[in-house]
Amino acid sequence: MRRDIWIFLFFLGSILFGWPFLRIFHQSLTYYLFISWIAFIGLLFLASLSSDKGDGGN
């Protein structure tokens, strides 16, 4: 399950910061990048916390 979370986050990041979404939000690109980057970092943090609990911190 932990590996699935990391693969999902990789593809989510690829989609969020890929050309189509950047083109869609080009009018408010600064806000989009700021909000999506903060949300993505939060998801990475939560995934790393659940990963640490699952394997005993190793």
PDB file of N, CA and C in Angstrom:
ATOM      1  N   MET A   1       0.829  -1.201   0.000  1.00  0.00           N
ATOM      2  CA  MET A   1       0.000   0.000   0.000  1.00  0.00           C
ATOM      3  C   MET A   1       0.865   1.253   0.000  1.00  0.00           C
ATOM      4  N   ARG A   2       1.960   1.239   0.754  1.00  0.00           N
ATOM      5  CA  ARG A   2       2.793   2.441   0.830  1.00  0.00           C
ATOM      6  C   ARG A   2       3.381   2.789  -0.529  1.00  0.00           C
ATOM      7  N   ARG A   3       3.764   1.767  -1.275  1.00  0.00           N
ATOM      8  CA  ARG A   3       4.334   2.028  -2.591  1.00  0.00           C
ATOM      9  C   ARG A   3       3.282   2.648  -3.510  1.00  0.00           C
ATOM     10  N   ASP A   4       2.044   2.213  -3.376  1.00  0.00           N
ATOM     11  CA  ASP A   4       0.961   2.752  -4.195  1.00  0.00           C
ATOM     12  C   ASP A   4       0.762   4.243  -3.937  1.00  0.00           C
ATOM     13  N   ILE A   5       0.919   4.659  -2.694  1.00  0.00           N
ATOM     14  CA  ILE A   5       0.756   6.079  -2.364  1.00  0.00           C
ATOM     15  C   ILE A   5       1.820   6.909  -3.064  1.00  0.00           C
ATOM     16  N   TRP A   6       3.062   6.437  -3.047  1.00  0.00           N
ATOM     17  CA  TRP A   6       4.149   7.189  -3.679  1.00  0.00           C
ATOM     18  C   TRP A   6       3.994   7.247  -5.193  1.00  0.00           C
ATOM     19  N   ILE A   7       3.531   6.155  -5.791  1.00  0.00           N
ATOM     20  CA  ILE A   7       3.290   6.154  -7.235  1.00  0.00           C
ATOM     21  C   ILE A   7       2.160   7.111  -7.577  1.00  0.00           C
ATOM     22  N   PHE A   8       1.094   7.101  -6.772  1.00  0.00           N
ATOM     23  CA  PHE A   8      -0.022   8.025  -6.986  1.00  0.00           C
ATOM     24  C   PHE A   8       0.444   9.484  -6.878  1.00  0.00           C
ATOM     25  N   LEU A   9       1.256   9.783  -5.869  1.00  0.00           N
ATOM     26  CA  LEU A   9       1.730  11.157  -5.703  1.00  0.00           C
ATOM     27  C   LEU A   9       2.646  11.582  -6.839  1.00  0.00           C
ATOM     28  N   PHE A  10       3.436  10.670  -7.362  1.00  0.00           N
ATOM     29  CA  PHE A  10       4.285  10.989  -8.514  1.00  0.00           C
ATOM     30  C   PHE A  10       3.433  11.394  -9.712  1.00  0.00           C
ATOM     31  N   PHE A  11       2.415  10.582 -10.017  1.00  0.00           N
ATOM     32  CA  PHE A  11       1.559  10.894 -11.156  1.00  0.00           C
ATOM     33  C   PHE A  11       0.708  12.133 -10.909  1.00  0.00           C
ATOM     34  N   LEU A  12       0.284  12.345  -9.680  1.00  0.00           N
ATOM     35  CA  LEU A  12      -0.465  13.556  -9.354  1.00  0.00           C
ATOM     36  C   LEU A  12       0.398  14.798  -9.586  1.00  0.00           C
ATOM     37  N   GLY A  13       1.650  14.742  -9.145  1.00  0.00           N
ATOM     38  CA  GLY A  13       2.558  15.862  -9.376  1.00  0.00           C
ATOM     39  C   GLY A  13       2.831  16.086 -10.850  1.00  0.00           C
ATOM     40  N   SER A  14       2.959  15.002 -11.601  1.00  0.00           N
ATOM     41  CA  SER A  14       3.178  15.125 -13.040  1.00  0.00           C
ATOM     42  C   SER A  14       1.985  15.786 -13.727  1.00  0.00           C
ATOM     43  N   ILE A  15       0.800  15.453 -13.261  1.00  0.00           N
ATOM     44  CA  ILE A  15      -0.396  16.039 -13.855  1.00  0.00           C
ATOM     45  C   ILE A  15      -0.560  17.499 -13.419  1.00  0.00           C
ATOM     46  N   LEU A  16      -0.396  17.766 -12.124  1.00  0.00           N
ATOM     47  CA  LEU A  16      -0.604  19.122 -11.615  1.00  0.00           C
ATOM     48  C   LEU A  16       0.362  20.139 -12.218  1.00  0.00           C
ATOM     49  N   PHE A  17       1.611  19.725 -12.419  1.00  0.00           N
ATOM     50  CA  PHE A  17       2.623  20.664 -12.885  1.00  0.00           C
ATOM     51  C   PHE A  17       2.994  20.430 -14.338  1.00  0.00           C
ATOM     52  N   GLY A  18       2.134  19.724 -15.058  1.00  0.00           N
ATOM     53  CA  GLY A  18       2.332  19.490 -16.479  1.00  0.00           C
ATOM     54  C   GLY A  18       1.731  20.604 -17.316  1.00  0.00           C
ATOM     55  N   TRP A  19       2.010  20.545 -18.599  1.00  0.00           N
ATOM     56  CA  TRP A  19       1.604  21.607 -19.513  1.00  0.00           C
ATOM     57  C   TRP A  19       0.101  21.876 -19.544  1.00  0.00           C
ATOM     58  N   PRO A  20      -0.779  20.854 -19.599  1.00  0.00           N
ATOM     59  CA  PRO A  20      -2.207  21.178 -19.736  1.00  0.00           C
ATOM     60  C   PRO A  20      -2.755  22.021 -18.585  1.00  0.00           C
ATOM     61  N   PHE A  21      -2.421  21.672 -17.348  1.00  0.00           N
ATOM     62  CA  PHE A  21      -2.951  22.437 -16.221  1.00  0.00           C
ATOM     63  C   PHE A  21      -2.302  23.813 -16.130  1.00  0.00           C
ATOM     64  N   LEU A  22      -1.046  23.907 -16.462  1.00  0.00           N
ATOM     65  CA  LEU A  22      -0.403  25.222 -16.444  1.00  0.00           C
ATOM     66  C   LEU A  22      -1.010  26.121 -17.514  1.00  0.00           C
ATOM     67  N   ARG A  23      -1.386  25.547 -18.630  1.00  0.00           N
ATOM     68  CA  ARG A  23      -2.023  26.315 -19.701  1.00  0.00           C
ATOM     69  C   ARG A  23      -3.440  26.737 -19.304  1.00  0.00           C
ATOM     70  N   ILE A  24      -4.162  25.860 -18.614  1.00  0.00           N
ATOM     71  CA  ILE A  24      -5.529  26.175 -18.196  1.00  0.00           C
ATOM     72  C   ILE A  24      -5.522  27.355 -17.225  1.00  0.00           C
ATOM     73  N   PHE A  25      -4.573  27.361 -16.299  1.00  0.00           N
ATOM     74  CA  PHE A  25      -4.538  28.379 -15.258  1.00  0.00           C
ATOM     75  C   PHE A  25      -3.530  29.493 -15.566  1.00  0.00           C
ATOM     76  N   HIS A  26      -3.274  29.774 -16.827  1.00  0.00           N
ATOM     77  CA  HIS A  26      -2.247  30.765 -17.159  1.00  0.00           C
ATOM     78  C   HIS A  26      -2.619  32.179 -16.718  1.00  0.00           C
ATOM     79  N   GLN A  27      -3.887  32.480 -16.551  1.00  0.00           N
ATOM     80  CA  GLN A  27      -4.287  33.819 -16.098  1.00  0.00           C
ATOM     81  C   GLN A  27      -3.907  34.049 -14.633  1.00  0.00           C
ATOM     82  N   SER A  28      -4.032  33.025 -13.823  1.00  0.00           N
ATOM     83  CA  SER A  28      -3.699  33.141 -12.401  1.00  0.00           C
ATOM     84  C   SER A  28      -2.643  32.103 -12.036  1.00  0.00           C
ATOM     85  N   LEU A  29      -1.588  32.047 -12.835  1.00  0.00           N
ATOM     86  CA  LEU A  29      -0.565  31.015 -12.685  1.00  0.00           C
ATOM     87  C   LEU A  29       0.140  31.098 -11.341  1.00  0.00           C
ATOM     88  N   THR A  30       0.392  32.286 -10.848  1.00  0.00           N
ATOM     89  CA  THR A  30       1.087  32.438  -9.569  1.00  0.00           C
ATOM     90  C   THR A  30       0.282  31.823  -8.442  1.00  0.00           C
ATOM     91  N   TYR A  31      -1.005  32.120  -8.398  1.00  0.00           N
ATOM     92  CA  TYR A  31      -1.860  31.571  -7.348  1.00  0.00           C
ATOM     93  C   TYR A  31      -1.983  30.059  -7.472  1.00  0.00           C
ATOM     94  N   TYR A  32      -2.156  29.582  -8.703  1.00  0.00           N
ATOM     95  CA  TYR A  32      -2.279  28.149  -8.928  1.00  0.00           C
ATOM     96  C   TYR A  32      -1.020  27.418  -8.460  1.00  0.00           C
ATOM     97  N   LEU A  33       0.147  27.905  -8.842  1.00  0.00           N
ATOM     98  CA  LEU A  33       1.394  27.254  -8.450  1.00  0.00           C
ATOM     99  C   LEU A  33       1.592  27.279  -6.935  1.00  0.00           C
ATOM    100  N   PHE A  34       1.287  28.404  -6.315  1.00  0.00           N
ATOM    101  CA  PHE A  34       1.458  28.513  -4.873  1.00  0.00           C
ATOM    102  C   PHE A  34       0.543  27.543  -4.133  1.00  0.00           C
ATOM    103  N   ILE A  35      -0.725  27.533  -4.480  1.00  0.00           N
ATOM    104  CA  ILE A  35      -1.697  26.687  -3.785  1.00  0.00           C
ATOM    105  C   ILE A  35      -1.436  25.209  -4.062  1.00  0.00           C
ATOM    106  N   SER A  36      -1.188  24.869  -5.319  1.00  0.00           N
ATOM    107  CA  SER A  36      -0.975  23.462  -5.638  1.00  0.00           C
ATOM    108  C   SER A  36       0.338  22.954  -5.061  1.00  0.00           C
ATOM    109  N   TRP A  37       1.373  23.780  -5.028  1.00  0.00           N
ATOM    110  CA  TRP A  37       2.652  23.359  -4.462  1.00  0.00           C
ATOM    111  C   TRP A  37       2.524  23.125  -2.952  1.00  0.00           C
ATOM    112  N   ILE A  38       1.845  24.027  -2.242  1.00  0.00           N
ATOM    113  CA  ILE A  38       1.641  23.853  -0.803  1.00  0.00           C
ATOM    114  C   ILE A  38       0.811  22.593  -0.534  1.00  0.00           C
ATOM    115  N   ALA A  39      -0.250  22.372  -1.305  1.00  0.00           N
ATOM    116  CA  ALA A  39      -1.085  21.182  -1.119  1.00  0.00           C
ATOM    117  C   ALA A  39      -0.289  19.910  -1.419  1.00  0.00           C
ATOM    118  N   PHE A  40       0.549  19.947  -2.438  1.00  0.00           N
ATOM    119  CA  PHE A  40       1.351  18.787  -2.807  1.00  0.00           C
ATOM    120  C   PHE A  40       2.382  18.473  -1.719  1.00  0.00           C
ATOM    121  N   ILE A  41       2.993  19.488  -1.161  1.00  0.00           N
ATOM    122  CA  ILE A  41       3.945  19.283  -0.064  1.00  0.00           C
ATOM    123  C   ILE A  41       3.225  18.694   1.153  1.00  0.00           C
ATOM    124  N   GLY A  42       2.023  19.172   1.428  1.00  0.00           N
ATOM    125  CA  GLY A  42       1.239  18.617   2.534  1.00  0.00           C
ATOM    126  C   GLY A  42       0.916  17.142   2.316  1.00  0.00           C
ATOM    127  N   LEU A  43       0.560  16.774   1.088  1.00  0.00           N
ATOM    128  CA  LEU A  43       0.289  15.372   0.789  1.00  0.00           C
ATOM    129  C   LEU A  43       1.544  14.516   0.929  1.00  0.00           C
ATOM    130  N   LEU A  44       2.671  15.042   0.500  1.00  0.00           N
ATOM    131  CA  LEU A  44       3.931  14.316   0.662  1.00  0.00           C
ATOM    132  C   LEU A  44       4.262  14.122   2.137  1.00  0.00           C
ATOM    133  N   PHE A  45       4.006  15.143   2.933  1.00  0.00           N
ATOM    134  CA  PHE A  45       4.249  15.049   4.366  1.00  0.00           C
ATOM    135  C   PHE A  45       3.378  13.975   4.998  1.00  0.00           C
ATOM    136  N   LEU A  46       2.087  13.973   4.660  1.00  0.00           N
ATOM    137  CA  LEU A  46       1.178  12.972   5.213  1.00  0.00           C
ATOM    138  C   LEU A  46       1.566  11.560   4.763  1.00  0.00           C
ATOM    139  N   ALA A  47       1.990  11.423   3.523  1.00  0.00           N
ATOM    140  CA  ALA A  47       2.409  10.111   3.031  1.00  0.00           C
ATOM    141  C   ALA A  47       3.665   9.641   3.745  1.00  0.00           C
ATOM    142  N   SER A  48       4.574  10.555   4.023  1.00  0.00           N
ATOM    143  CA  SER A  48       5.802  10.162   4.717  1.00  0.00           C
ATOM    144  C   SER A  48       5.499   9.785   6.172  1.00  0.00           C
ATOM    145  N   LEU A  49       4.536  10.449   6.796  1.00  0.00           N
ATOM    146  CA  LEU A  49       4.148  10.086   8.161  1.00  0.00           C
ATOM    147  C   LEU A  49       3.540   8.686   8.200  1.00  0.00           C
ATOM    148  N   SER A  50       2.665   8.402   7.274  1.00  0.00           N
ATOM    149  CA  SER A  50       2.043   7.071   7.260  1.00  0.00           C
ATOM    150  C   SER A  50       3.074   6.006   6.887  1.00  0.00           C
ATOM    151  N   SER A  51       4.043   6.364   6.078  1.00  0.00           N
ATOM    152  CA  SER A  51       5.102   5.432   5.709  1.00  0.00           C
ATOM    153  C   SER A  51       5.985   5.109   6.906  1.00  0.00           C
ATOM    154  N   ASP A  52       6.303   6.113   7.712  1.00  0.00           N
ATOM    155  CA  ASP A  52       7.147   5.908   8.895  1.00  0.00           C
ATOM    156  C   ASP A  52       6.445   5.044   9.938  1.00  0.00           C
ATOM    157  N   LYS A  53       5.144   5.228  10.107  1.00  0.00           N
ATOM    158  CA  LYS A  53       4.409   4.439  11.078  1.00  0.00           C
ATOM    159  C   LYS A  53       4.306   2.979  10.645  1.00  0.00           C
ATOM    160  N   GLY A  54       4.218   2.763   9.356  1.00  0.00           N
ATOM    161  CA  GLY A  54       4.010   1.409   8.850  1.00  0.00           C
ATOM    162  C   GLY A  54       5.244   0.532   8.910  1.00  0.00           C
ATOM    163  N   ASP A  55       6.430   1.089   8.768  1.00  0.00           N
ATOM    164  CA  ASP A  55       7.620   0.254   8.742  1.00  0.00           C
ATOM    165  C   ASP A  55       8.501   0.412   9.982  1.00  0.00           C
ATOM    166  N   GLY A  56       8.006   1.011  11.011  1.00  0.00           N
ATOM    167  CA  GLY A  56       8.769   1.134  12.246  1.00  0.00           C
ATOM    168  C   GLY A  56       9.827   2.215  12.222  1.00  0.00           C
ATOM    169  N   GLY A  57       9.780   3.115  11.231  1.00  0.00           N
ATOM    170  CA  GLY A  57      10.724   4.218  11.172  1.00  0.00           C
ATOM    171  C   GLY A  57      12.023   3.897  10.463  1.00  0.00           C
ATOM    172  N   ASN A  58      12.120   2.734   9.853  1.00  0.00           N
ATOM    173  CA  ASN A  58      13.334   2.357   9.128  1.00  0.00           C
ATOM    174  C   ASN A  58      13.232   2.673   7.680  1.00  0.00           C
TER     175      ASN A  58
END
